[in-house]
Amino acid sequence: MIIELRKKSQITLPKEIVKQLNLQEGDKLEISIENGCIRLEPVAVYPKEYILKLAEEIQVLREDPKFEYNSFDNVDDLLKSLKNDNKE
């Protein structure tokens, strides 16, 4: 898919990509360069205070001997695990 760089260095994302990634006006995108390519990645922005509070809550859970947690390599594995937990 080819797009054109416009005045003021602006580009328009093709509708198919916007729809596939469920992007909406006002969403934030991280831009970076990887191996000579431009990479755009949707991101969620939260207040720093919220992130710090969340980190504290996670630490409390990790220190609780009754709490069991797993780590996952990707979202699909997480979702499979959640589905299996709901079946039990």
Protein backbone atom coordinates (compact mmCIF):
# COMPACT_ATOMS: atom_id res chain seq x y z
CA MET A 1 0.00 0.00 0.00
CA ILE A 2 1.50 3.33 -1.01
CA ILE A 3 0.65 6.63 0.64
CA GLU A 4 1.92 10.14 -0.02
CA LEU A 5 3.78 12.52 2.28
CA ARG A 6 1.88 15.81 2.23
CA LYS A 7 2.54 19.40 3.28
CA LYS A 8 3.77 19.77 6.85
CA SER A 9 5.00 16.13 6.74
CA GLN A 10 1.46 14.75 7.10
CA ILE A 11 0.23 11.34 5.97
CA THR A 12 -3.22 9.77 5.88
CA LEU A 13 -3.59 6.22 7.15
CA PRO A 14 -5.62 4.07 4.78
CA LYS A 15 -9.16 3.33 5.97
CA GLU A 16 -8.49 -0.43 5.92
CA ILE A 17 -5.62 -0.06 8.40
CA VAL A 18 -7.61 2.26 10.66
CA LYS A 19 -10.49 -0.23 10.70
CA GLN A 20 -8.27 -3.29 11.21
CA LEU A 21 -6.53 -1.68 14.22
CA ASN A 22 -9.78 -0.19 15.53
CA LEU A 23 -8.25 3.29 15.57
CA GLN A 24 -10.33 6.39 16.21
CA GLU A 25 -9.74 10.10 16.01
CA GLY A 26 -7.64 11.21 18.97
CA ASP A 27 -5.86 7.87 19.46
CA LYS A 28 -2.14 8.16 20.19
CA LEU A 29 0.53 6.48 18.06
CA GLU A 30 4.19 5.89 18.93
CA ILE A 31 6.51 6.50 15.97
CA SER A 32 9.97 4.99 15.68
CA ILE A 33 12.53 3.89 13.11
CA GLU A 34 13.52 0.21 12.92
CA ASN A 35 16.02 -1.03 10.36
CA GLY A 36 15.39 2.00 8.16
CA CYS A 37 11.59 1.61 8.32
CA ILE A 38 9.04 3.89 9.96
CA ARG A 39 6.97 2.08 12.58
CA LEU A 40 3.68 3.39 13.98
CA GLU A 41 2.24 1.63 17.02
CA PRO A 42 -1.02 2.45 18.83
CA VAL A 43 -0.45 3.30 22.50
CA ALA A 44 -2.55 4.05 25.54
CA VAL A 45 -1.48 7.00 27.66
CA TYR A 46 -2.21 6.98 31.40
CA PRO A 47 -1.31 9.44 34.14
CA LYS A 48 1.95 8.56 35.89
CA GLU A 49 0.16 8.42 39.26
CA TYR A 50 -2.17 5.71 37.94
CA ILE A 51 0.76 3.61 36.69
CA LEU A 52 2.60 3.92 40.02
CA LYS A 53 -0.52 2.89 41.96
CA LEU A 54 -1.02 -0.08 39.65
CA ALA A 55 2.62 -1.14 40.14
CA GLU A 56 2.14 -0.98 43.93
CA GLU A 57 -0.97 -3.16 43.73
CA ILE A 58 0.86 -5.72 41.58
CA GLN A 59 3.73 -5.82 44.08
CA VAL A 60 1.30 -6.46 46.96
CA LEU A 61 -0.24 -9.36 45.01
CA ARG A 62 3.17 -10.85 44.22
CA GLU A 63 4.12 -10.80 47.90
CA ASP A 64 0.90 -12.61 48.89
CA PRO A 65 1.74 -16.34 49.20
CA LYS A 66 -1.87 -17.27 48.30
CA PHE A 67 -1.71 -15.41 44.99
CA GLU A 68 -0.65 -17.41 41.93
CA TYR A 69 0.18 -15.69 38.67
CA ASN A 70 1.44 -16.78 35.29
CA SER A 71 3.36 -14.90 32.67
CA PHE A 72 2.45 -15.21 29.00
CA ASP A 73 4.43 -14.76 25.81
CA ASN A 74 1.50 -13.20 23.96
CA VAL A 75 -2.13 -12.14 24.31
CA ASP A 76 -3.46 -15.28 22.61
CA ASP A 77 -1.90 -17.48 25.32
CA LEU A 78 -3.41 -15.25 28.02
CA LEU A 79 -6.87 -15.47 26.46
CA LYS A 80 -6.63 -19.26 26.13
CA SER A 81 -5.71 -19.48 29.82
CA LEU A 82 -8.65 -17.27 30.82
CA LYS A 83 -11.06 -19.39 28.75
CA ASN A 84 -9.75 -22.56 30.39
CA ASP A 85 -10.14 -21.01 33.87
CA ASN A 86 -13.78 -20.17 33.09
CA LYS A 87 -14.50 -23.77 32.05
CA GLU A 88 -13.36 -25.14 35.41
